[in-house]
C-alpha cells in the first residue's frame, strides 16, 4: 500500500530533526582529540579510545539495525538514540577518565548506528515511495546545513571558552533534537498487504535470502571500494597542508570541510529527483566517478586555494551517497523487508572500507609518499566506479508500494 503524505507539521519536524541531529553529531568529530589533548592524554591513549569508538560502531551496525527493525516505534528508537548520544557528550566533561571516555565512545557508537536507520524509517513512513528520493535529498540538505553551522559554532565555543564547552553545547543540542522529533506525528502503518505479497518463510530463510540478495551484495562491494577511496583523502590533505601551508593550514582545512557541505546542501534535492527519474544506477555512477577525479587532482596539485576547490568535488559524492544509500536500502526492503537491518549491513561495509582506506593509504604514504597514496586512493575510486557499471543492478521498481518498517511513534 502507499503511505499517505505526511502532514506539514511532521515534514517540518523531520527537516529540523535532521538539522539538529547533525549539530549533535558534529561534536564527536575532531573536537574529541583537541579536548583530550587539553586533558593531558597521550597520543597513544587518544588513538586507542578513538579506535574503540570505530570498532564499536562497526560491530554495532547489524545489531543496532536489527534492534530498530524489532522496535514497533521508530520515533522511540530515535529518541533513545538521541538521549544516549546526549549522555555520552556529558560523560566527556563530567568523567574525563579512561573509563568515562571509553563508555561515552561505546554509547555513542551504538546509538549512532540506531539513529540514522530510525530517521530513514520515519521518512519512509511519512512520504511513501513516490516522493522518497526527493525527501531523502531534503534530509541530506538539512543535515549538511546542520553540520556546517555546528562546526562553525562549536569551533568558536572551543576557541573562546574552555575546550569542554563543545560537549556541553552538544548535550544541550539534544533538547531541540527531541523537540523536533516530537513534532512528527504518530502514524500507524498496516503491513498485512505487503507481508502477504511476499512468500512466507521462516526467519532464518528470510534472512538467508536477504544476505544473498545480489543487489545488497553488489552495493556493499561498491560501497567498500568507495570508502577505500574517500575516507583517507582529507586527512592526507591535512597532513600535507600542515607541512607546506604553515599558519593558514587550519583555515584551509576549515574551508575544505565547509565547501563540500555547501555543495551537498545545494545538490541533494536534485540527486533525489534524478534518482526517481533516471534510476539509482545512473546517479551512483556520477557520485562514484567524482572520487577518482578528486584523488588524481590531489596527487597532482597541493596549492591551498586549488585544494579547497578540489575538495568541493567531494560534495558531489557525499550528496549522492547520502541520498542513494537509504534509497537503495528501501528498494531492497520493499521486497525483502528488514529495512533497518539492510541499513546496518551497508553501514558495516562503510566502516570496513574506511578502515582499510586509512591503513592502506598510511602504509603507501610511509613507503612511497603522499602523492602515491593519492593515486592509490584514486585507483580504488576507479575500481568502485567500474563495479557500479558492471556489477550493480538497477534497484528502482515501479513506484507503487513501499514496505514501511512500522509505526514511527
Protein backbone atom coordinates (compact mmCIF):
# COMPACT_ATOMS: atom_id res chain seq x y z
CA UNK A 1 0.00 0.00 0.00
CA UNK A 2 1.08 3.60 -0.44
CA UNK A 3 1.59 5.70 2.62
CA UNK A 4 -0.36 8.91 2.60
CA UNK A 5 1.83 12.01 2.52
CA UNK A 6 2.93 13.28 5.91
CA UNK A 7 1.40 16.43 7.36
CA UNK A 8 3.16 19.77 7.00
CA UNK A 9 3.95 19.74 10.73
CA UNK A 10 5.53 16.27 10.55
CA UNK A 11 7.61 17.12 7.49
CA UNK A 12 8.85 20.33 9.08
CA UNK A 13 9.68 18.35 12.19
CA UNK A 14 11.68 15.94 10.04
CA UNK A 15 13.58 18.87 8.48
CA UNK A 16 14.63 20.21 11.86
CA UNK A 17 15.33 16.76 13.25
CA UNK A 18 17.92 16.23 10.52
CA UNK A 19 19.38 19.69 11.14
CA UNK A 20 19.61 19.28 14.92
CA UNK A 21 20.89 15.70 14.83
CA UNK A 22 23.71 16.82 12.53
CA UNK A 23 24.54 19.53 15.07
CA UNK A 24 24.73 16.94 17.84
CA UNK A 25 26.88 14.52 15.86
CA UNK A 26 29.35 17.24 14.84
CA UNK A 27 30.51 17.46 18.46
CA UNK A 28 32.02 13.99 18.17
CA UNK A 29 34.33 14.85 15.29
CA UNK A 30 37.85 16.32 15.58
CA UNK A 31 36.86 18.14 18.79
CA UNK A 32 37.41 14.91 20.75
CA UNK A 33 41.14 14.79 20.03
CA UNK A 34 41.52 18.51 20.80
CA UNK A 35 39.66 18.17 24.11
CA UNK A 36 41.53 15.07 25.27
CA UNK A 37 44.84 16.74 24.45
CA UNK A 38 43.92 19.57 26.86
CA UNK A 39 43.19 16.86 29.46
CA UNK A 40 46.82 15.71 29.07
CA UNK A 41 46.00 12.46 27.32
CA UNK A 42 48.85 10.98 25.31
CA UNK A 43 48.58 10.44 21.57
CA UNK A 44 48.50 6.69 22.16
CA UNK A 45 45.65 6.98 24.65
CA UNK A 46 43.67 9.27 22.31
CA UNK A 47 44.23 6.92 19.39
CA UNK A 48 43.15 3.95 21.49
CA UNK A 49 39.85 5.47 22.60
CA UNK A 50 39.06 6.71 19.07
CA UNK A 51 39.79 3.23 17.75
CA UNK A 52 37.43 1.82 20.38
CA UNK A 53 34.67 4.08 19.06
CA UNK A 54 35.35 2.97 15.49
CA UNK A 55 35.31 -0.72 16.42
CA UNK A 56 32.07 -0.35 18.40
CA UNK A 57 30.43 1.49 15.52
CA UNK A 58 31.40 -1.27 13.08
CA UNK A 59 30.35 -4.08 15.42
CA UNK A 60 27.04 -2.34 16.20
CA UNK A 61 25.80 -1.86 12.64
CA UNK A 62 23.90 -5.14 12.31
CA UNK A 63 22.70 -5.47 15.94
CA UNK A 64 21.53 -1.84 16.02
CA UNK A 65 19.72 -2.22 12.70
CA UNK A 66 18.03 -5.41 13.90
CA UNK A 67 17.01 -3.66 17.14
CA UNK A 68 15.40 -0.78 15.26
CA UNK A 69 13.61 -3.29 13.00
CA UNK A 70 12.31 -5.09 16.10
CA UNK A 71 11.10 -1.94 17.89
CA UNK A 72 7.47 -1.11 16.94
CA UNK A 73 8.06 2.64 17.35
CA UNK A 74 10.79 4.21 15.24
CA UNK A 75 10.26 7.55 16.98
CA UNK A 76 11.07 5.86 20.28
CA UNK A 77 14.19 4.30 18.75
CA UNK A 78 15.33 7.73 17.54
CA UNK A 79 14.56 9.32 20.93
CA UNK A 80 16.56 6.68 22.83
CA UNK A 81 19.49 7.12 20.43
CA UNK A 82 19.46 10.92 20.86
CA UNK A 83 19.29 10.54 24.64
CA UNK A 84 22.25 8.12 24.62
CA UNK A 85 24.31 10.47 22.44
CA UNK A 86 23.48 13.37 24.77
CA UNK A 87 24.53 11.29 27.78
CA UNK A 88 27.80 10.35 26.09
CA UNK A 89 28.57 14.04 25.47
CA UNK A 90 28.03 14.76 29.16
CA UNK A 91 30.38 11.90 30.11
CA UNK A 92 33.20 13.65 28.25
CA UNK A 93 33.09 16.64 30.61
CA UNK A 94 31.79 15.00 33.79
CA UNK A 95 34.02 11.91 33.76
CA UNK A 96 37.11 12.54 31.60
CA UNK A 97 38.75 9.32 32.82
CA UNK A 98 39.68 6.35 30.64
CA UNK A 99 36.58 4.52 31.85
CA UNK A 100 34.25 7.50 31.34
CA UNK A 101 35.53 8.39 27.87
CA UNK A 102 35.55 4.72 26.84
CA UNK A 103 31.95 4.33 28.00
CA UNK A 104 30.99 7.51 26.13
CA UNK A 105 32.53 6.18 22.91
CA UNK A 106 30.71 2.85 23.28
CA UNK A 107 27.36 4.58 23.92
CA UNK A 108 27.85 6.98 21.04
CA UNK A 109 28.93 4.25 18.62
CA UNK A 110 25.88 2.08 19.24
CA UNK A 111 23.40 4.97 19.42
CA UNK A 112 24.63 6.45 16.12
CA UNK A 113 24.04 3.10 14.43
CA UNK A 114 20.43 3.23 15.66
CA UNK A 115 19.74 6.87 14.86
CA UNK A 116 20.31 7.07 11.11
CA UNK A 117 18.23 3.96 10.25
CA UNK A 118 15.45 5.17 12.57
CA UNK A 119 15.29 8.57 10.84
CA UNK A 120 15.27 6.90 7.42
CA UNK A 121 12.44 4.59 8.55
CA UNK A 122 10.42 7.56 9.81
CA UNK A 123 10.98 9.28 6.46
CA UNK A 124 9.63 6.29 4.54
CA UNK A 125 6.54 6.13 6.71
CA UNK A 126 5.80 9.83 6.15
CA UNK A 127 6.20 10.21 2.38
CA UNK A 128 5.88 6.74 0.82
CA UNK A 129 7.85 5.58 -2.20
CA UNK A 130 6.83 8.08 -4.88
CA UNK A 131 8.39 11.05 -3.08
CA UNK A 132 11.11 9.17 -1.22
CA UNK A 133 14.09 10.18 -3.36
CA UNK A 134 13.37 13.89 -3.19
CA UNK A 135 12.56 13.69 0.53
CA UNK A 136 15.87 11.95 1.25
CA UNK A 137 17.57 14.73 -0.70
CA UNK A 138 15.87 17.27 1.56
CA UNK A 139 17.02 15.29 4.61
CA UNK A 140 20.59 15.44 3.33
CA UNK A 141 20.29 19.19 2.70
CA UNK A 142 19.22 19.94 6.27
CA UNK A 143 21.83 17.56 7.66
CA UNK A 144 24.55 19.29 5.66
CA UNK A 145 23.40 22.73 6.81
CA UNK A 146 23.42 21.46 10.39
CA UNK A 147 26.96 20.15 10.01
CA UNK A 148 28.21 23.44 8.64
CA UNK A 149 26.54 25.62 11.27
CA UNK A 150 27.57 23.33 14.13
CA UNK A 151 31.21 23.16 13.01
CA UNK A 152 31.43 26.96 12.97
CA UNK A 153 29.62 27.46 16.30
CA UNK A 154 31.48 24.68 18.11
CA UNK A 155 34.79 25.88 16.75
CA UNK A 156 34.02 29.32 18.19
CA UNK A 157 32.99 27.85 21.54
CA UNK A 158 36.16 25.78 21.73
CA UNK A 159 38.28 28.83 20.89
CA UNK A 160 36.67 31.45 23.16
CA UNK A 161 35.66 29.19 26.06
CA UNK A 162 37.05 26.03 27.64
CA UNK A 163 37.50 23.10 25.20
CA UNK A 164 34.94 21.09 27.18
CA UNK A 165 32.28 23.68 26.30
CA UNK A 166 31.89 21.93 22.95
CA UNK A 167 30.45 18.88 24.71
CA UNK A 168 28.15 20.95 26.95
CA UNK A 169 26.81 22.53 23.77
CA UNK A 170 26.50 19.11 22.13
CA UNK A 171 24.45 17.82 25.05
CA UNK A 172 22.30 20.97 25.05
CA UNK A 173 21.51 20.46 21.35
CA UNK A 174 19.88 17.13 22.24
CA UNK A 175 16.90 19.14 23.55
CA UNK A 176 15.89 20.75 20.22
CA UNK A 177 16.52 17.37 18.54
CA UNK A 178 13.96 15.71 20.81
CA UNK A 179 11.55 18.64 20.34
CA UNK A 180 11.81 18.32 16.55
CA UNK A 181 11.16 14.58 16.88
CA UNK A 182 8.05 15.30 18.96
CA UNK A 183 6.66 17.40 16.10
CA UNK A 184 6.47 14.28 13.91
CA UNK A 185 3.03 12.78 14.28
CA UNK A 186 2.50 9.13 15.16
CA UNK A 187 1.43 7.20 12.07
CA UNK A 188 0.20 3.64 12.13
CA UNK A 189 1.05 1.62 9.04
CA UNK A 190 -0.80 -1.52 8.02
CA UNK A 191 1.67 -4.13 6.81
CA UNK A 192 -0.65 -7.08 6.18
CA UNK A 193 -0.92 -6.45 2.43
CA UNK A 194 2.83 -6.06 1.99
CA UNK A 195 3.52 -9.14 4.09
CA UNK A 196 1.00 -11.15 2.07
CA UNK A 197 2.74 -10.15 -1.14
CA UNK A 198 5.94 -11.86 -0.03
CA UNK A 199 6.22 -15.63 0.13
CA UNK A 200 6.06 -16.92 3.70
CA UNK A 201 9.44 -18.04 5.00
CA UNK A 202 10.91 -18.81 8.35
CA UNK A 203 13.02 -16.04 9.84
CA UNK A 204 16.24 -17.91 9.12
CA UNK A 205 15.28 -18.48 5.48
CA UNK A 206 14.20 -14.87 5.10
CA UNK A 207 17.48 -13.57 6.48
CA UNK A 208 19.48 -16.00 4.34
CA UNK A 209 17.67 -14.77 1.23
CA UNK A 210 18.28 -11.16 2.27
CA UNK A 211 22.02 -11.54 2.75
CA UNK A 212 22.34 -13.45 -0.53
CA UNK A 213 20.41 -10.79 -2.43
CA UNK A 214 22.55 -9.77 -5.41
CA UNK A 215 21.57 -6.11 -5.12
CA UNK A 216 22.67 -5.87 -1.49
CA UNK A 217 25.92 -7.77 -2.04
CA UNK A 218 26.80 -5.68 -5.11
CA UNK A 219 26.05 -2.40 -3.37
CA UNK A 220 28.08 -3.40 -0.32
CA UNK A 221 31.06 -4.27 -2.55
CA UNK A 222 30.75 -0.91 -4.33
CA UNK A 223 30.49 0.98 -1.04
CA UNK A 224 33.60 -0.71 0.36
CA UNK A 225 35.60 0.50 -2.65
CA UNK A 226 34.06 3.97 -2.46
CA UNK A 227 35.04 4.32 1.20
CA UNK A 228 38.51 2.96 0.46
CA UNK A 229 38.90 5.90 -1.93
CA UNK A 230 37.18 8.54 0.18
CA UNK A 231 37.96 8.07 3.87
CA UNK A 232 41.69 8.79 3.91
CA UNK A 233 41.73 11.62 1.37
CA UNK A 234 41.01 14.65 3.55
CA UNK A 235 43.28 13.52 6.44
CA UNK A 236 46.17 13.20 3.98
CA UNK A 237 45.36 16.61 2.55
CA UNK A 238 45.52 17.95 6.11
CA UNK A 239 48.92 16.42 6.81
CA UNK A 240 50.31 17.76 3.53
CA UNK A 241 48.95 21.24 4.21
CA UNK A 242 50.36 21.23 7.74
CA UNK A 243 53.82 20.67 6.24
CA UNK A 244 53.51 23.20 3.42
CA UNK A 245 50.92 25.85 4.32
CA UNK A 246 52.11 26.70 7.82
CA UNK A 247 49.86 29.04 9.79
CA UNK A 248 46.99 29.04 7.28
CA UNK A 249 46.66 25.25 7.31
CA UNK A 250 43.79 25.31 9.82
CA UNK A 251 41.89 27.89 7.78
CA UNK A 252 42.33 25.85 4.60
CA UNK A 253 41.15 22.65 6.32
CA UNK A 254 38.12 24.50 7.68
CA UNK A 255 37.34 25.63 4.14
CA UNK A 256 37.80 22.05 2.94
CA UNK A 257 35.12 20.94 5.43
CA UNK A 258 32.63 23.73 4.71
CA UNK A 259 32.90 23.80 0.90
CA UNK A 260 31.64 20.22 0.29
CA UNK A 261 28.81 20.78 2.79
CA UNK A 262 27.65 23.73 0.70
CA UNK A 263 27.68 21.54 -2.42
CA UNK A 264 25.70 18.83 -0.59
CA UNK A 265 23.11 21.36 0.59
CA UNK A 266 22.64 22.69 -2.95
CA UNK A 267 22.76 19.38 -4.79
CA UNK A 268 20.97 16.83 -2.59
CA UNK A 269 17.34 17.58 -3.59
CA UNK A 270 18.33 17.33 -7.27
CA UNK A 271 20.02 13.98 -6.57
CA UNK A 272 16.79 12.67 -5.06
CA UNK A 273 14.71 13.82 -8.04
CA UNK A 274 17.24 12.44 -10.52
CA UNK A 275 17.27 9.05 -8.77
CA UNK A 276 13.49 8.88 -9.09
CA UNK A 277 13.54 9.95 -12.74
CA UNK A 278 16.65 8.27 -14.18
CA UNK A 279 17.18 5.40 -11.76
CA UNK A 280 19.64 4.73 -8.97
CA UNK A 281 22.49 3.32 -11.04
CA UNK A 282 22.94 6.38 -13.28
CA UNK A 283 23.17 8.72 -10.28
CA UNK A 284 25.53 6.33 -8.47
CA UNK A 285 27.92 6.49 -11.42
CA UNK A 286 28.03 10.28 -11.07
CA UNK A 287 28.88 10.13 -7.38
CA UNK A 288 31.40 7.31 -7.67
CA UNK A 289 33.04 8.85 -10.74
CA UNK A 290 33.85 12.04 -8.81
CA UNK A 291 36.17 10.15 -6.40
CA UNK A 292 38.95 9.09 -8.81
CA UNK A 293 38.95 12.61 -10.27
CA UNK A 294 39.40 14.11 -6.80
CA UNK A 295 42.20 11.67 -5.88
CA UNK A 296 44.04 12.27 -9.15
CA UNK A 297 43.88 16.06 -8.74
CA UNK A 298 45.07 15.87 -5.13
CA UNK A 299 48.03 13.80 -6.32
CA UNK A 300 48.97 16.49 -8.84
CA UNK A 301 48.11 19.76 -7.03
CA UNK A 302 48.88 20.86 -3.46
CA UNK A 303 48.46 24.67 -3.51
CA UNK A 304 45.96 25.78 -0.80
CA UNK A 305 43.26 27.50 -2.88
CA UNK A 306 43.08 24.78 -5.58
CA UNK A 307 42.94 22.18 -2.80
CA UNK A 308 39.72 23.75 -1.47
CA UNK A 309 38.21 23.71 -4.96
CA UNK A 310 39.24 20.08 -5.46
CA UNK A 311 37.76 19.09 -2.10
CA UNK A 312 34.47 20.66 -3.20
CA UNK A 313 34.15 17.74 -5.63
CA UNK A 314 33.59 15.58 -2.56
CA UNK A 315 30.25 17.36 -2.15
CA UNK A 316 29.02 15.60 -5.29
CA UNK A 317 29.92 12.18 -3.92
CA UNK A 318 28.60 12.98 -0.45
CA UNK A 319 25.25 14.16 -1.84
CA UNK A 320 24.87 11.04 -3.97
CA UNK A 321 25.81 8.58 -1.22
CA UNK A 322 23.79 10.42 1.41
CA UNK A 323 20.62 10.16 -0.67
CA UNK A 324 21.13 6.86 -2.50
CA UNK A 325 22.24 4.72 0.45
CA UNK A 326 18.88 4.76 2.27
CA UNK A 327 17.01 4.87 -1.05
CA UNK A 328 18.62 1.65 -2.30
CA UNK A 329 18.07 0.07 1.13
CA UNK A 330 14.37 0.97 0.80
CA UNK A 331 14.28 -0.56 -2.71
CA UNK A 332 15.59 -3.86 -1.38
CA UNK A 333 13.36 -3.74 1.72
CA UNK A 334 10.31 -3.26 -0.47
CA UNK A 335 10.67 -6.92 -1.44
CA UNK A 336 12.68 -8.37 1.44
CA UNK A 337 11.66 -6.32 4.47
CA UNK A 338 14.20 -5.70 7.29
CA UNK A 339 14.95 -2.13 6.17
CA UNK A 340 16.99 -1.20 9.23
CA UNK A 341 18.99 -4.43 9.12
CA UNK A 342 19.84 -3.64 5.49
CA UNK A 343 20.96 -0.17 6.58
CA UNK A 344 23.16 -1.81 9.20
CA UNK A 345 24.73 -4.16 6.66
CA UNK A 346 25.54 -1.27 4.34
CA UNK A 347 26.88 0.70 7.32
CA UNK A 348 29.20 -2.22 8.08
CA UNK A 349 30.52 -2.03 4.51
CA UNK A 350 31.11 1.72 5.00
CA UNK A 351 33.14 1.04 8.15
CA UNK A 352 35.20 -1.71 6.57
CA UNK A 353 36.10 0.43 3.58
CA UNK A 354 37.04 3.41 5.74
CA UNK A 355 39.25 1.27 8.00
CA UNK A 356 41.13 -0.27 5.07
CA UNK A 357 41.46 3.16 3.44
CA UNK A 358 43.32 4.82 6.28
CA UNK A 359 45.55 1.79 6.96
CA UNK A 360 46.48 1.17 3.31
CA UNK A 361 46.99 4.82 2.43
CA UNK A 362 49.15 5.29 5.52
CA UNK A 363 51.36 2.36 4.55
CA UNK A 364 51.73 3.61 0.96
CA UNK A 365 52.48 7.15 2.11
CA UNK A 366 55.17 5.95 4.53
CA UNK A 367 56.94 3.81 1.94
CA UNK A 368 56.48 5.81 -1.26
CA UNK A 369 54.98 9.22 -0.45
CA UNK A 370 51.75 11.19 -0.18
CA UNK A 371 51.32 11.59 -3.93
CA UNK A 372 51.46 7.83 -4.42
CA UNK A 373 48.84 7.44 -1.68
CA UNK A 374 46.51 9.85 -3.50
CA UNK A 375 46.97 7.95 -6.76
CA UNK A 376 46.22 4.68 -4.95
CA UNK A 377 43.03 6.18 -3.49
CA UNK A 378 42.07 7.39 -6.95
CA UNK A 379 42.61 3.84 -8.23
CA UNK A 380 40.26 2.48 -5.55
CA UNK A 381 37.66 5.05 -6.62
CA UNK A 382 38.05 3.99 -10.24
CA UNK A 383 37.55 0.33 -9.30
CA UNK A 384 34.42 1.30 -7.37
CA UNK A 385 33.05 3.14 -10.40
CA UNK A 386 33.75 0.13 -12.63
CA UNK A 387 31.95 -2.12 -10.12
CA UNK A 388 28.89 0.12 -10.26
CA UNK A 389 28.93 -0.06 -14.07
CA UNK A 390 29.35 -3.82 -14.38
CA UNK A 391 28.07 -5.27 -11.10
CA UNK A 392 25.39 -3.02 -9.65
CA UNK A 393 21.85 -3.78 -10.88
CA UNK A 394 19.16 -1.13 -11.05
CA UNK A 395 17.15 -1.37 -7.84
CA UNK A 396 14.31 1.02 -8.73
CA UNK A 397 10.99 -0.59 -9.46
CA UNK A 398 7.63 0.85 -10.37
CA UNK A 399 7.00 3.25 -7.52
CA UNK A 400 3.72 1.73 -6.39
CA UNK A 401 4.26 0.47 -2.88
CA UNK A 402 6.68 0.68 -0.03
CA UNK A 403 7.11 -1.78 2.82
CA UNK A 404 7.29 0.64 5.72
CA UNK A 405 9.28 -0.75 8.63
CA UNK A 406 6.42 0.13 11.03
CA UNK A 407 4.87 2.89 13.07
CA UNK A 408 7.30 5.75 13.81
CA UNK A 409 5.54 6.53 17.10
